[in-house]
PDB file of N, CA and C in Angstrom:
ATOM      1  N   MET A   1     -46.425 -56.432 -17.322  1.00  0.00           N
ATOM      2  CA  MET A   1     -46.661 -57.726 -17.941  1.00  0.00           C
ATOM      3  C   MET A   1     -47.281 -57.558 -19.425  1.00  0.00           C
ATOM      4  N   ILE A   2     -48.237 -56.475 -19.422  1.00  0.00           N
ATOM      5  CA  ILE A   2     -48.737 -56.063 -20.818  1.00  0.00           C
ATOM      6  C   ILE A   2     -47.597 -55.554 -21.713  1.00  0.00           C
ATOM      7  N   ILE A   3     -46.688 -54.782 -21.116  1.00  0.00           N
ATOM      8  CA  ILE A   3     -45.592 -54.123 -22.156  1.00  0.00           C
ATOM      9  C   ILE A   3     -44.558 -55.293 -22.534  1.00  0.00           C
ATOM     10  N   ILE A   4     -44.462 -56.362 -21.860  1.00  0.00           N
ATOM     11  CA  ILE A   4     -43.674 -57.480 -22.185  1.00  0.00           C
ATOM     12  C   ILE A   4     -44.279 -58.195 -23.576  1.00  0.00           C
ATOM     13  N   ILE A   5     -45.745 -58.296 -23.218  1.00  0.00           N
ATOM     14  CA  ILE A   5     -46.432 -59.201 -24.389  1.00  0.00           C
ATOM     15  C   ILE A   5     -46.484 -58.112 -25.643  1.00  0.00           C
ATOM     16  N   ILE A   6     -46.503 -56.731 -25.475  1.00  0.00           N
ATOM     17  CA  ILE A   6     -46.544 -55.921 -26.649  1.00  0.00           C
ATOM     18  C   ILE A   6     -45.281 -55.926 -27.324  1.00  0.00           C
ATOM     19  N   ILE A   7     -44.145 -56.013 -26.607  1.00  0.00           N
ATOM     20  CA  ILE A   7     -42.702 -56.039 -27.002  1.00  0.00           C
ATOM     21  C   ILE A   7     -42.599 -57.537 -27.898  1.00  0.00           C
ATOM     22  N   ILE A   8     -43.035 -58.468 -27.296  1.00  0.00           N
ATOM     23  CA  ILE A   8     -43.020 -59.981 -27.894  1.00  0.00           C
ATOM     24  C   ILE A   8     -43.542 -59.906 -29.276  1.00  0.00           C
ATOM     25  N   ILE A   9     -44.939 -59.396 -29.204  1.00  0.00           N
ATOM     26  CA  ILE A   9     -45.695 -59.171 -30.432  1.00  0.00           C
ATOM     27  C   ILE A   9     -44.917 -58.233 -31.589  1.00  0.00           C
ATOM     28  N   ILE A  10     -44.319 -57.236 -31.151  1.00  0.00           N
ATOM     29  CA  ILE A  10     -43.421 -56.351 -32.095  1.00  0.00           C
ATOM     30  C   ILE A  10     -42.508 -56.956 -32.659  1.00  0.00           C
ATOM     31  N   ILE A  11     -41.885 -57.981 -31.778  1.00  0.00           N
ATOM     32  CA  ILE A  11     -40.510 -58.684 -32.261  1.00  0.00           C
ATOM     33  C   ILE A  11     -41.111 -59.722 -33.352  1.00  0.00           C
ATOM     34  N   ILE A  12     -42.112 -60.352 -32.956  1.00  0.00           N
ATOM     35  CA  ILE A  12     -42.615 -61.288 -33.918  1.00  0.00           C
ATOM     36  C   ILE A  12     -43.071 -60.650 -35.308  1.00  0.00           C
ATOM     37  N   ILE A  13     -43.510 -59.532 -35.363  1.00  0.00           N
ATOM     38  CA  ILE A  13     -43.931 -58.950 -36.374  1.00  0.00           C
ATOM     39  C   ILE A  13     -42.792 -58.504 -37.463  1.00  0.00           C
ATOM     40  N   ILE A  14     -41.800 -57.957 -36.588  1.00  0.00           N
ATOM     41  CA  ILE A  14     -40.528 -57.656 -37.227  1.00  0.00           C
ATOM     42  C   ILE A  14     -39.805 -58.928 -37.766  1.00  0.00           C
ATOM     43  N   ILE A  15     -39.776 -60.087 -37.203  1.00  0.00           N
ATOM     44  CA  ILE A  15     -39.348 -61.297 -37.723  1.00  0.00           C
ATOM     45  C   ILE A  15     -40.043 -61.641 -38.867  1.00  0.00           C
ATOM     46  N   ILE A  16     -41.420 -61.632 -39.015  1.00  0.00           N
ATOM     47  CA  ILE A  16     -42.405 -61.979 -40.137  1.00  0.00           C
ATOM     48  C   ILE A  16     -41.800 -60.975 -41.268  1.00  0.00           C
ATOM     49  N   ILE A  17     -41.889 -59.663 -41.050  1.00  0.00           N
ATOM     50  CA  ILE A  17     -41.441 -58.801 -42.084  1.00  0.00           C
ATOM     51  C   ILE A  17     -40.201 -59.216 -42.844  1.00  0.00           C
ATOM     52  N   ILE A  18     -39.069 -59.637 -41.855  1.00  0.00           N
ATOM     53  CA  ILE A  18     -37.777 -59.890 -42.512  1.00  0.00           C
ATOM     54  C   ILE A  18     -37.907 -61.316 -43.195  1.00  0.00           C
ATOM     55  N   ILE A  19     -38.632 -62.117 -42.777  1.00  0.00           N
ATOM     56  CA  ILE A  19     -38.806 -63.385 -43.531  1.00  0.00           C
ATOM     57  C   ILE A  19     -39.442 -63.065 -45.035  1.00  0.00           C
ATOM     58  N   ILE A  20     -40.411 -62.178 -44.957  1.00  0.00           N
ATOM     59  CA  ILE A  20     -41.217 -61.827 -46.264  1.00  0.00           C
ATOM     60  C   ILE A  20     -40.185 -61.175 -47.134  1.00  0.00           C
ATOM     61  N   ILE A  21     -39.333 -60.218 -46.762  1.00  0.00           N
ATOM     62  CA  ILE A  21     -38.253 -59.341 -47.504  1.00  0.00           C
ATOM     63  C   ILE A  21     -37.426 -60.605 -48.102  1.00  0.00           C
ATOM     64  N   ILE A  22     -36.948 -61.541 -47.406  1.00  0.00           N
ATOM     65  CA  ILE A  22     -36.035 -62.382 -47.782  1.00  0.00           C
ATOM     66  C   ILE A  22     -36.574 -63.213 -48.915  1.00  0.00           C
ATOM     67  N   ILE A  23     -37.848 -63.633 -48.788  1.00  0.00           N
ATOM     68  CA  ILE A  23     -38.798 -64.267 -49.796  1.00  0.00           C
ATOM     69  C   ILE A  23     -38.872 -63.474 -51.076  1.00  0.00           C
ATOM     70  N   ILE A  24     -39.080 -62.374 -50.961  1.00  0.00           N
ATOM     71  CA  ILE A  24     -39.100 -61.320 -52.228  1.00  0.00           C
ATOM     72  C   ILE A  24     -37.851 -61.412 -52.900  1.00  0.00           C
ATOM     73  N   ILE A  25     -36.621 -61.191 -52.158  1.00  0.00           N
ATOM     74  CA  ILE A  25     -35.268 -61.150 -52.715  1.00  0.00           C
ATOM     75  C   ILE A  25     -35.041 -62.519 -53.449  1.00  0.00           C
ATOM     76  N   ILE A  26     -35.348 -63.500 -52.794  1.00  0.00           N
ATOM     77  CA  ILE A  26     -35.099 -64.745 -53.516  1.00  0.00           C
ATOM     78  C   ILE A  26     -35.833 -64.952 -54.714  1.00  0.00           C
ATOM     79  N   ILE A  27     -37.164 -64.604 -54.784  1.00  0.00           N
ATOM     80  CA  ILE A  27     -38.082 -64.537 -56.034  1.00  0.00           C
ATOM     81  C   ILE A  27     -37.305 -63.707 -57.058  1.00  0.00           C
ATOM     82  N   ILE A  28     -36.941 -62.491 -56.617  1.00  0.00           N
ATOM     83  CA  ILE A  28     -36.413 -61.610 -57.597  1.00  0.00           C
ATOM     84  C   ILE A  28     -35.011 -62.096 -58.297  1.00  0.00           C
ATOM     85  N   ILE A  29     -34.056 -62.848 -57.359  1.00  0.00           N
ATOM     86  CA  ILE A  29     -33.176 -63.338 -57.828  1.00  0.00           C
ATOM     87  C   ILE A  29     -33.287 -64.567 -58.929  1.00  0.00           C
ATOM     88  N   ILE A  30     -34.267 -65.469 -58.581  1.00  0.00           N
ATOM     89  CA  ILE A  30     -34.691 -66.478 -59.399  1.00  0.00           C
ATOM     90  C   ILE A  30     -35.245 -65.819 -60.761  1.00  0.00           C
ATOM     91  N   ILE A  31     -35.896 -64.706 -60.999  1.00  0.00           N
ATOM     92  CA  ILE A  31     -36.591 -64.415 -61.973  1.00  0.00           C
ATOM     93  C   ILE A  31     -35.930 -63.161 -62.727  1.00  0.00           C
ATOM     94  N   ILE A  32     -34.406 -63.060 -62.462  1.00  0.00           N
ATOM     95  CA  ILE A  32     -33.551 -62.122 -63.228  1.00  0.00           C
ATOM     96  C   ILE A  32     -33.702 -62.351 -64.763  1.00  0.00           C
ATOM     97  N   ILE A  33     -33.757 -61.477 -65.459  1.00  0.00           N
ATOM     98  CA  ILE A  33     -33.872 -61.486 -66.814  1.00  0.00           C
ATOM     99  C   ILE A  33     -32.379 -61.227 -67.495  1.00  0.00           C
ATOM    100  N   PRO A  34     -31.733 -62.141 -68.181  1.00  0.00           N
ATOM    101  CA  PRO A  34     -30.443 -62.023 -68.591  1.00  0.00           C
ATOM    102  C   PRO A  34     -30.302 -61.215 -69.954  1.00  0.00           C
ATOM    103  N   VAL A  35     -30.214 -59.797 -69.627  1.00  0.00           N
ATOM    104  CA  VAL A  35     -30.136 -58.974 -70.862  1.00  0.00           C
ATOM    105  C   VAL A  35     -28.854 -58.312 -70.610  1.00  0.00           C
ATOM    106  N   ILE A  36     -27.813 -58.792 -71.497  1.00  0.00           N
ATOM    107  CA  ILE A  36     -26.526 -58.199 -71.604  1.00  0.00           C
ATOM    108  C   ILE A  36     -26.186 -57.893 -72.997  1.00  0.00           C
ATOM    109  N   ILE A  37     -25.737 -56.476 -73.049  1.00  0.00           N
ATOM    110  CA  ILE A  37     -25.141 -56.199 -74.414  1.00  0.00           C
ATOM    111  C   ILE A  37     -23.642 -55.992 -74.187  1.00  0.00           C
ATOM    112  N   ARG A  38     -22.874 -56.756 -75.092  1.00  0.00           N
ATOM    113  CA  ARG A  38     -21.315 -56.621 -74.863  1.00  0.00           C
ATOM    114  C   ARG A  38     -21.049 -55.056 -74.987  1.00  0.00           C
ATOM    115  N   ALA A  39     -19.628 -54.892 -74.769  1.00  0.00           N
ATOM    116  CA  ALA A  39     -19.086 -53.614 -75.038  1.00  0.00           C
ATOM    117  C   ALA A  39     -19.041 -53.287 -76.416  1.00  0.00           C
ATOM    118  N   THR A  40     -18.866 -54.125 -77.366  1.00  0.00           N
ATOM    119  CA  THR A  40     -18.990 -53.748 -78.673  1.00  0.00           C
ATOM    120  C   THR A  40     -20.307 -53.749 -79.363  1.00  0.00           C
ATOM    121  N   GLY A  41     -21.352 -54.035 -78.541  1.00  0.00           N
ATOM    122  CA  GLY A  41     -22.766 -53.840 -79.084  1.00  0.00           C
ATOM    123  C   GLY A  41     -23.413 -55.067 -79.577  1.00  0.00           C
ATOM    124  N   THR A  42     -22.565 -56.200 -79.516  1.00  0.00           N
ATOM    125  CA  THR A  42     -23.000 -57.522 -79.756  1.00  0.00           C
ATOM    126  C   THR A  42     -24.034 -58.120 -78.769  1.00  0.00           C
ATOM    127  N   ILE A  43     -24.962 -58.764 -79.364  1.00  0.00           N
ATOM    128  CA  ILE A  43     -26.137 -59.506 -78.478  1.00  0.00           C
ATOM    129  C   ILE A  43     -26.230 -60.950 -78.678  1.00  0.00           C
ATOM    130  N   SER A  44     -26.830 -61.546 -77.867  1.00  0.00           N
ATOM    131  CA  SER A  44     -26.929 -62.918 -77.819  1.00  0.00           C
ATOM    132  C   SER A  44     -28.192 -63.307 -78.681  1.00  0.00           C
ATOM    133  N   LYS A  45     -28.346 -64.611 -79.128  1.00  0.00           N
ATOM    134  CA  LYS A  45     -29.505 -64.855 -79.999  1.00  0.00           C
ATOM    135  C   LYS A  45     -30.746 -64.914 -79.427  1.00  0.00           C
ATOM    136  N   ALA A  46     -30.612 -64.977 -78.009  1.00  0.00           N
ATOM    137  CA  ALA A  46     -31.995 -64.962 -77.273  1.00  0.00           C
ATOM    138  C   ALA A  46     -32.401 -63.520 -76.563  1.00  0.00           C
ATOM    139  N   PHE A  47     -31.358 -62.565 -77.049  1.00  0.00           N
ATOM    140  CA  PHE A  47     -31.518 -61.134 -76.578  1.00  0.00           C
ATOM    141  C   PHE A  47     -32.920 -60.765 -76.678  1.00  0.00           C
ATOM    142  N   ARG A  48     -33.507 -60.780 -77.966  1.00  0.00           N
ATOM    143  CA  ARG A  48     -34.868 -60.200 -78.233  1.00  0.00           C
ATOM    144  C   ARG A  48     -36.000 -60.796 -77.407  1.00  0.00           C
ATOM    145  N   LYS A  49     -35.799 -62.144 -77.061  1.00  0.00           N
ATOM    146  CA  LYS A  49     -36.725 -62.825 -76.291  1.00  0.00           C
ATOM    147  C   LYS A  49     -36.852 -62.251 -74.868  1.00  0.00           C
ATOM    148  N   TYR A  50     -35.529 -62.063 -74.246  1.00  0.00           N
ATOM    149  CA  TYR A  50     -35.548 -61.575 -72.936  1.00  0.00           C
ATOM    150  C   TYR A  50     -36.105 -60.074 -72.785  1.00  0.00           C
ATOM    151  N   VAL A  51     -35.621 -59.327 -73.860  1.00  0.00           N
ATOM    152  CA  VAL A  51     -35.988 -57.907 -73.909  1.00  0.00           C
ATOM    153  C   VAL A  51     -37.543 -57.691 -73.870  1.00  0.00           C
ATOM    154  N   ASN A  52     -38.262 -58.601 -74.673  1.00  0.00           N
ATOM    155  CA  ASN A  52     -39.665 -58.568 -74.726  1.00  0.00           C
ATOM    156  C   ASN A  52     -40.322 -59.050 -73.316  1.00  0.00           C
ATOM    157  N   ASN A  53     -39.601 -59.439 -72.430  1.00  0.00           N
ATOM    158  CA  ASN A  53     -40.079 -59.765 -71.164  1.00  0.00           C
ATOM    159  C   ASN A  53     -40.088 -58.616 -70.185  1.00  0.00           C
ATOM    160  N   ILE A  54     -39.216 -57.463 -70.784  1.00  0.00           N
ATOM    161  CA  ILE A  54     -39.080 -56.164 -69.986  1.00  0.00           C
ATOM    162  C   ILE A  54     -40.249 -55.602 -70.314  1.00  0.00           C
ATOM    163  N   PRO A  55     -41.149 -54.798 -69.452  1.00  0.00           N
ATOM    164  CA  PRO A  55     -42.220 -53.926 -69.894  1.00  0.00           C
ATOM    165  C   PRO A  55     -41.657 -52.695 -70.577  1.00  0.00           C
ATOM    166  N   GLY A  56     -42.350 -52.074 -71.604  1.00  0.00           N
ATOM    167  CA  GLY A  56     -41.874 -51.042 -72.258  1.00  0.00           C
ATOM    168  C   GLY A  56     -41.673 -51.319 -73.716  1.00  0.00           C
ATOM    169  N   ASN A  57     -41.253 -50.234 -74.381  1.00  0.00           N
ATOM    170  CA  ASN A  57     -40.891 -50.347 -75.820  1.00  0.00           C
ATOM    171  C   ASN A  57     -39.378 -50.142 -75.922  1.00  0.00           C
ATOM    172  N   HIS A  58     -38.566 -51.119 -76.339  1.00  0.00           N
ATOM    173  CA  HIS A  58     -37.214 -50.971 -76.310  1.00  0.00           C
ATOM    174  C   HIS A  58     -36.721 -51.457 -77.714  1.00  0.00           C
ATOM    175  N   GLU A  59     -35.920 -50.700 -78.359  1.00  0.00           N
ATOM    176  CA  GLU A  59     -35.315 -50.923 -79.668  1.00  0.00           C
ATOM    177  C   GLU A  59     -33.996 -51.361 -79.513  1.00  0.00           C
ATOM    178  N   VAL A  60     -33.751 -52.550 -80.178  1.00  0.00           N
ATOM    179  CA  VAL A  60     -32.449 -53.303 -79.929  1.00  0.00           C
ATOM    180  C   VAL A  60     -31.424 -52.262 -80.402  1.00  0.00           C
ATOM    181  N   LYS A  61     -31.546 -51.643 -81.568  1.00  0.00           N
ATOM    182  CA  LYS A  61     -30.539 -50.661 -82.182  1.00  0.00           C
ATOM    183  C   LYS A  61     -30.200 -49.707 -81.352  1.00  0.00           C
ATOM    184  N   GLU A  62     -31.110 -49.152 -80.486  1.00  0.00           N
ATOM    185  CA  GLU A  62     -30.836 -48.110 -79.640  1.00  0.00           C
ATOM    186  C   GLU A  62     -30.245 -48.628 -78.455  1.00  0.00           C
ATOM    187  N   LEU A  63     -30.453 -49.873 -77.695  1.00  0.00           N
ATOM    188  CA  LEU A  63     -29.840 -50.202 -76.774  1.00  0.00           C
ATOM    189  C   LEU A  63     -28.344 -50.532 -77.214  1.00  0.00           C
ATOM    190  N   GLN A  64     -28.079 -50.991 -78.350  1.00  0.00           N
ATOM    191  CA  GLN A  64     -26.752 -51.287 -78.962  1.00  0.00           C
ATOM    192  C   GLN A  64     -25.958 -49.989 -79.025  1.00  0.00           C
ATOM    193  N   LYS A  65     -26.416 -49.143 -79.477  1.00  0.00           N
ATOM    194  CA  LYS A  65     -25.978 -47.862 -79.494  1.00  0.00           C
ATOM    195  C   LYS A  65     -25.472 -47.081 -78.068  1.00  0.00           C
ATOM    196  N   THR A  66     -26.397 -47.377 -77.119  1.00  0.00           N
ATOM    197  CA  THR A  66     -26.199 -46.958 -75.758  1.00  0.00           C
ATOM    198  C   THR A  66     -24.787 -47.629 -75.448  1.00  0.00           C
ATOM    199  N   ALA A  67     -24.930 -48.850 -75.427  1.00  0.00           N
ATOM    200  CA  ALA A  67     -23.685 -49.738 -75.212  1.00  0.00           C
ATOM    201  C   ALA A  67     -22.415 -49.194 -75.624  1.00  0.00           C
ATOM    202  N   ILE A  68     -22.459 -49.069 -76.791  1.00  0.00           N
ATOM    203  CA  ILE A  68     -21.183 -48.656 -77.541  1.00  0.00           C
ATOM    204  C   ILE A  68     -20.781 -47.172 -77.099  1.00  0.00           C
ATOM    205  N   LEU A  69     -21.717 -46.400 -77.004  1.00  0.00           N
ATOM    206  CA  LEU A  69     -21.543 -44.890 -76.520  1.00  0.00           C
ATOM    207  C   LEU A  69     -20.943 -44.970 -74.979  1.00  0.00           C
ATOM    208  N   GLY A  70     -21.509 -45.872 -74.137  1.00  0.00           N
ATOM    209  CA  GLY A  70     -21.025 -45.940 -72.901  1.00  0.00           C
ATOM    210  C   GLY A  70     -19.473 -46.403 -72.885  1.00  0.00           C
ATOM    211  N   THR A  71     -19.239 -47.422 -73.610  1.00  0.00           N
ATOM    212  CA  THR A  71     -17.905 -48.035 -73.678  1.00  0.00           C
ATOM    213  C   THR A  71     -16.916 -47.047 -74.161  1.00  0.00           C
ATOM    214  N   ALA A  72     -17.264 -46.266 -75.106  1.00  0.00           N
ATOM    215  CA  ALA A  72     -16.530 -45.027 -75.763  1.00  0.00           C
ATOM    216  C   ALA A  72     -16.092 -44.066 -74.595  1.00  0.00           C
ATOM    217  N   HIS A  73     -17.225 -43.947 -73.664  1.00  0.00           N
ATOM    218  CA  HIS A  73     -16.962 -42.711 -72.724  1.00  0.00           C
ATOM    219  C   HIS A  73     -16.003 -43.381 -71.761  1.00  0.00           C
ATOM    220  N   ILE A  74     -16.268 -44.585 -71.248  1.00  0.00           N
ATOM    221  CA  ILE A  74     -15.377 -45.040 -70.270  1.00  0.00           C
ATOM    222  C   ILE A  74     -13.785 -45.154 -70.920  1.00  0.00           C
ATOM    223  N   LEU A  75     -13.561 -45.600 -72.252  1.00  0.00           N
ATOM    224  CA  LEU A  75     -12.329 -45.472 -72.755  1.00  0.00           C
ATOM    225  C   LEU A  75     -11.566 -44.130 -72.620  1.00  0.00           C
ATOM    226  N   ARG A  76     -12.505 -42.980 -73.106  1.00  0.00           N
ATOM    227  CA  ARG A  76     -11.953 -41.810 -72.993  1.00  0.00           C
ATOM    228  C   ARG A  76     -11.530 -41.430 -71.749  1.00  0.00           C
ATOM    229  N   LYS A  77     -12.390 -41.758 -70.790  1.00  0.00           N
ATOM    230  CA  LYS A  77     -11.887 -41.426 -69.357  1.00  0.00           C
ATOM    231  C   LYS A  77     -10.720 -42.200 -68.953  1.00  0.00           C
ATOM    232  N   VAL A  78     -10.579 -43.288 -69.283  1.00  0.00           N
ATOM    233  CA  VAL A  78      -9.283 -44.162 -68.849  1.00  0.00           C
ATOM    234  C   VAL A  78      -8.084 -43.692 -69.631  1.00  0.00           C
ATOM    235  N   LEU A  79      -8.190 -43.481 -71.026  1.00  0.00           N
ATOM    236  CA  LEU A  79      -7.121 -43.166 -71.730  1.00  0.00           C
ATOM    237  C   LEU A  79      -6.594 -41.743 -71.927  1.00  0.00           C
ATOM    238  N   THR A  80      -7.436 -40.958 -71.196  1.00  0.00           N
ATOM    239  CA  THR A  80      -7.049 -39.422 -71.215  1.00  0.00           C
ATOM    240  C   THR A  80      -6.555 -38.987 -69.946  1.00  0.00           C
TER     241      THR A  80
END
C-alpha cells in the first residue's frame, strides 16, 4: 500500500516537472529576440535595439563581418 502511494507521488512530481518545463519553453518562445543578419551582411533598422537586449558587448561591424565570412565559407563548400 505504501509503495503504491510513493509511486503515485513520484508520478505527480514528474507531471509537475513536465508542466514547468513546458511553461519555460513557452516563455522562451515568446521572448525570442529577432536578431537576423542577412547573408550579405545587411541588417534591419531595429537591429541595434535587439542586439542591446542581448547581454555582453557586441559590435555590429563584427557581426556583419562574421555573417559575410560564413556565407563565403558556405559558397566555397558548395561551389567546389
